[in-house]
Amino acid sequence: MASLTVPHLRLEPWSEGDLDLLRRANTPEMTEYLGGPETEGQLLDRHRRYLDPEANGTMFRVVLLPGGEVVGSTGFWDHEWGGEPAYATGYGILPEFQGRGLAVATTLAVVAEARADGRHRFLHAFPSVHHLASNAVCRKAGFAFVEECEFEYPKGHFIRSNVWRMDLTAAADR
């Protein structure tokens, strides 16, 4: 694999002040492959879920260094795939910061967080088969393509997704 120039960023735990980040990402452009923008009530529910890592996984805001701009969000949570416990991940970089390699850097950072958590062997991502950029992020971050599937996200909305998998027990050579 070719080496990647990885932008410097930091993942910070989701906090009360991050509701505005959800609102900024709740645009037709950012939610095109996820069923479209959510209502304010849905955003508030999502924010409350993100604040409860014990029940809903570990969510982060993505901070670009050295300036400290909040550029997006990511996280990982328990998920079952193929009858086995695993993690799932998702990520989103705000439009004004896209095209700089931040999604790949963010994904590599969340892989490291899931690896350190250590409860599951695999981390999965489920981008829409039509979301070429998100699938490229998975490929560039070193995930292995598994298959296509019907995937429910958000609840009640099914999308045709590619299943990408990272073996967290493999050596971290990036």
Protein backbone atom coordinates (compact mmCIF):
# COMPACT_ATOMS: atom_id res chain seq x y z
CA MET A 1 0.00 0.00 0.00
CA ALA A 2 1.24 3.47 -0.84
CA SER A 3 2.01 5.60 2.17
CA LEU A 4 -0.52 8.23 3.11
CA THR A 5 0.16 11.79 4.11
CA VAL A 6 -2.07 12.00 7.15
CA PRO A 7 -3.28 15.42 8.31
CA HIS A 8 -2.84 16.06 12.01
CA LEU A 9 -6.05 15.82 13.95
CA ARG A 10 -7.35 14.85 17.33
CA LEU A 11 -10.48 12.98 18.32
CA GLU A 12 -12.21 14.54 21.32
CA PRO A 13 -15.07 12.88 23.22
CA TRP A 14 -18.54 14.06 22.28
CA SER A 15 -19.82 16.71 24.69
CA GLU A 16 -22.89 18.83 25.43
CA GLY A 17 -21.50 21.59 23.20
CA ASP A 18 -21.46 19.41 20.07
CA LEU A 19 -25.14 19.68 19.14
CA ASP A 20 -24.23 22.50 16.74
CA LEU A 21 -21.90 20.09 14.89
CA LEU A 22 -24.87 17.78 14.28
CA ARG A 23 -26.86 20.73 12.98
CA ARG A 24 -24.02 21.83 10.66
CA ALA A 25 -23.82 18.30 9.21
CA ASN A 26 -27.59 17.98 8.80
CA THR A 27 -27.68 19.19 5.20
CA PRO A 28 -28.94 17.52 2.01
CA GLU A 29 -25.32 17.31 0.82
CA MET A 30 -24.09 15.59 4.00
CA THR A 31 -27.07 13.24 4.36
CA GLU A 32 -27.68 12.39 0.70
CA TYR A 33 -26.76 8.71 1.20
CA LEU A 34 -28.34 8.43 4.66
CA GLY A 35 -31.97 9.23 3.99
CA GLY A 36 -31.77 13.03 4.07
CA PRO A 37 -31.72 15.63 6.83
CA GLU A 38 -33.20 14.84 10.23
CA THR A 39 -35.74 16.89 12.14
CA GLU A 40 -34.65 18.97 15.13
CA GLY A 41 -36.18 16.34 17.42
CA GLN A 42 -34.20 13.57 15.72
CA LEU A 43 -31.00 15.62 16.08
CA LEU A 44 -31.69 16.15 19.79
CA ASP A 45 -32.27 12.40 20.24
CA ARG A 46 -29.04 11.62 18.37
CA HIS A 47 -27.13 14.12 20.50
CA ARG A 48 -28.44 12.52 23.70
CA ARG A 49 -27.43 9.07 22.42
CA TYR A 50 -23.94 10.32 21.56
CA LEU A 51 -23.58 11.62 25.12
CA ASP A 52 -24.12 8.09 26.55
CA PRO A 53 -21.15 5.96 25.48
CA GLU A 54 -22.09 3.12 27.84
CA ALA A 55 -25.31 2.55 25.95
CA ASN A 56 -24.51 3.83 22.47
CA GLY A 57 -20.81 3.61 21.67
CA THR A 58 -18.03 6.14 21.64
CA MET A 59 -18.54 9.29 19.58
CA PHE A 60 -15.99 12.00 18.86
CA ARG A 61 -15.75 15.43 17.32
CA VAL A 62 -12.80 15.68 14.92
CA VAL A 63 -10.46 18.59 15.60
CA LEU A 64 -7.91 19.75 13.01
CA LEU A 65 -4.50 20.65 14.40
CA PRO A 66 -2.83 22.98 15.03
CA GLY A 67 -5.71 25.46 14.65
CA GLY A 68 -8.36 23.56 16.60
CA GLU A 69 -11.16 23.80 13.99
CA VAL A 70 -13.92 21.23 14.48
CA VAL A 71 -14.14 19.56 11.06
CA GLY A 72 -16.48 16.61 11.59
CA SER A 73 -17.43 13.63 13.69
CA THR A 74 -16.76 9.92 13.97
CA GLY A 75 -17.23 7.10 16.39
CA PHE A 76 -17.54 3.39 16.92
CA TRP A 77 -20.18 1.27 18.61
CA ASP A 78 -21.05 -2.35 19.25
CA HIS A 79 -22.59 -4.11 16.30
CA GLU A 80 -23.19 -7.68 15.26
CA TRP A 81 -22.22 -8.92 11.82
CA GLY A 82 -22.43 -12.48 10.59
CA GLY A 83 -23.59 -13.57 14.04
CA GLU A 84 -20.40 -12.27 15.66
CA PRO A 85 -19.92 -9.24 17.90
CA ALA A 86 -17.99 -6.43 16.24
CA TYR A 87 -17.80 -2.65 16.07
CA ALA A 88 -19.32 -0.44 13.42
CA THR A 89 -18.05 3.01 12.53
CA GLY A 90 -19.23 6.07 10.72
CA TYR A 91 -17.65 9.40 9.89
CA GLY A 92 -18.50 12.73 8.39
CA ILE A 93 -16.30 15.66 7.44
CA LEU A 94 -18.02 19.02 6.96
CA PRO A 95 -18.10 20.13 3.29
CA GLU A 96 -15.73 23.08 3.73
CA PHE A 97 -13.02 20.68 4.97
CA GLN A 98 -13.50 17.87 2.44
CA GLY A 99 -10.87 16.96 -0.14
CA ARG A 100 -7.91 17.27 2.26
CA GLY A 101 -7.56 13.65 3.38
CA LEU A 102 -9.31 14.32 6.67
CA ALA A 103 -11.84 11.50 6.28
CA VAL A 104 -9.05 8.93 5.88
CA ALA A 105 -7.11 10.43 8.80
CA THR A 106 -10.27 10.41 10.91
CA THR A 107 -10.97 6.79 10.01
CA LEU A 108 -7.42 5.75 10.89
CA ALA A 109 -7.78 7.56 14.23
CA VAL A 110 -11.06 5.80 15.05
CA VAL A 111 -9.48 2.46 14.09
CA ALA A 112 -6.81 3.16 16.71
CA GLU A 113 -9.48 4.00 19.30
CA ALA A 114 -11.44 0.80 18.57
CA ARG A 115 -8.23 -1.24 18.64
CA ALA A 116 -7.35 0.25 22.04
CA ASP A 117 -10.86 -0.51 23.33
CA GLY A 118 -10.06 -4.12 22.47
CA ARG A 119 -13.43 -5.82 22.99
CA HIS A 120 -13.95 -6.94 19.37
CA ARG A 121 -11.76 -8.23 16.58
CA PHE A 122 -13.45 -6.41 13.70
CA LEU A 123 -14.53 -2.86 12.89
CA HIS A 124 -17.04 -2.51 10.04
CA ALA A 125 -18.13 0.41 7.89
CA PHE A 126 -21.28 0.35 5.75
CA PRO A 127 -21.22 3.17 3.18
CA SER A 128 -23.84 3.26 0.46
CA VAL A 129 -22.72 1.51 -2.71
CA HIS A 130 -23.41 4.84 -4.44
CA HIS A 131 -21.21 6.93 -2.12
CA LEU A 132 -17.96 6.64 -4.05
CA ALA A 133 -15.98 8.99 -1.79
CA SER A 134 -16.91 7.13 1.40
CA ASN A 135 -16.02 3.79 -0.17
CA ALA A 136 -12.67 5.26 -1.25
CA VAL A 137 -12.05 6.32 2.38
CA CYS A 138 -12.52 2.73 3.53
CA ARG A 139 -10.17 1.42 0.84
CA LYS A 140 -7.48 4.05 1.53
CA ALA A 141 -7.70 3.44 5.29
CA GLY A 142 -6.95 -0.25 4.75
CA PHE A 143 -10.38 -1.81 5.25
CA ALA A 144 -11.07 -5.00 3.28
CA PHE A 145 -14.19 -5.20 1.12
CA VAL A 146 -16.45 -8.05 2.27
CA GLU A 147 -19.75 -7.85 0.37
CA GLU A 148 -22.82 -5.79 -0.48
CA CYS A 149 -25.82 -5.86 1.82
CA GLU A 150 -29.04 -4.11 2.81
CA PHE A 151 -28.19 -1.96 5.82
CA GLU A 152 -30.56 -0.02 8.08
CA TYR A 153 -29.37 3.50 8.83
CA PRO A 154 -30.86 5.47 10.32
CA LYS A 155 -33.57 3.29 11.86
CA GLY A 156 -36.35 2.68 9.39
CA HIS A 157 -34.25 3.59 6.33
CA PHE A 158 -32.56 0.80 4.38
CA ILE A 159 -29.71 1.45 1.97
CA ARG A 160 -27.70 -0.81 -0.31
CA SER A 161 -24.27 -0.75 1.33
CA ASN A 162 -20.83 -2.09 0.87
CA VAL A 163 -19.48 -3.91 3.90
CA TRP A 164 -15.89 -2.98 4.72
CA ARG A 165 -13.98 -4.66 7.55
CA MET A 166 -10.84 -3.85 9.49
CA ASP A 167 -9.17 -6.63 11.48
CA LEU A 168 -8.16 -4.85 14.68
CA THR A 169 -5.85 -7.69 15.71
CA ALA A 170 -3.66 -7.14 12.65
CA ALA A 171 -0.49 -5.12 13.18
CA ALA A 172 -1.03 -1.40 12.96
CA ASP A 173 1.51 -0.59 10.25
CA ARG A 174 0.18 2.81 9.24
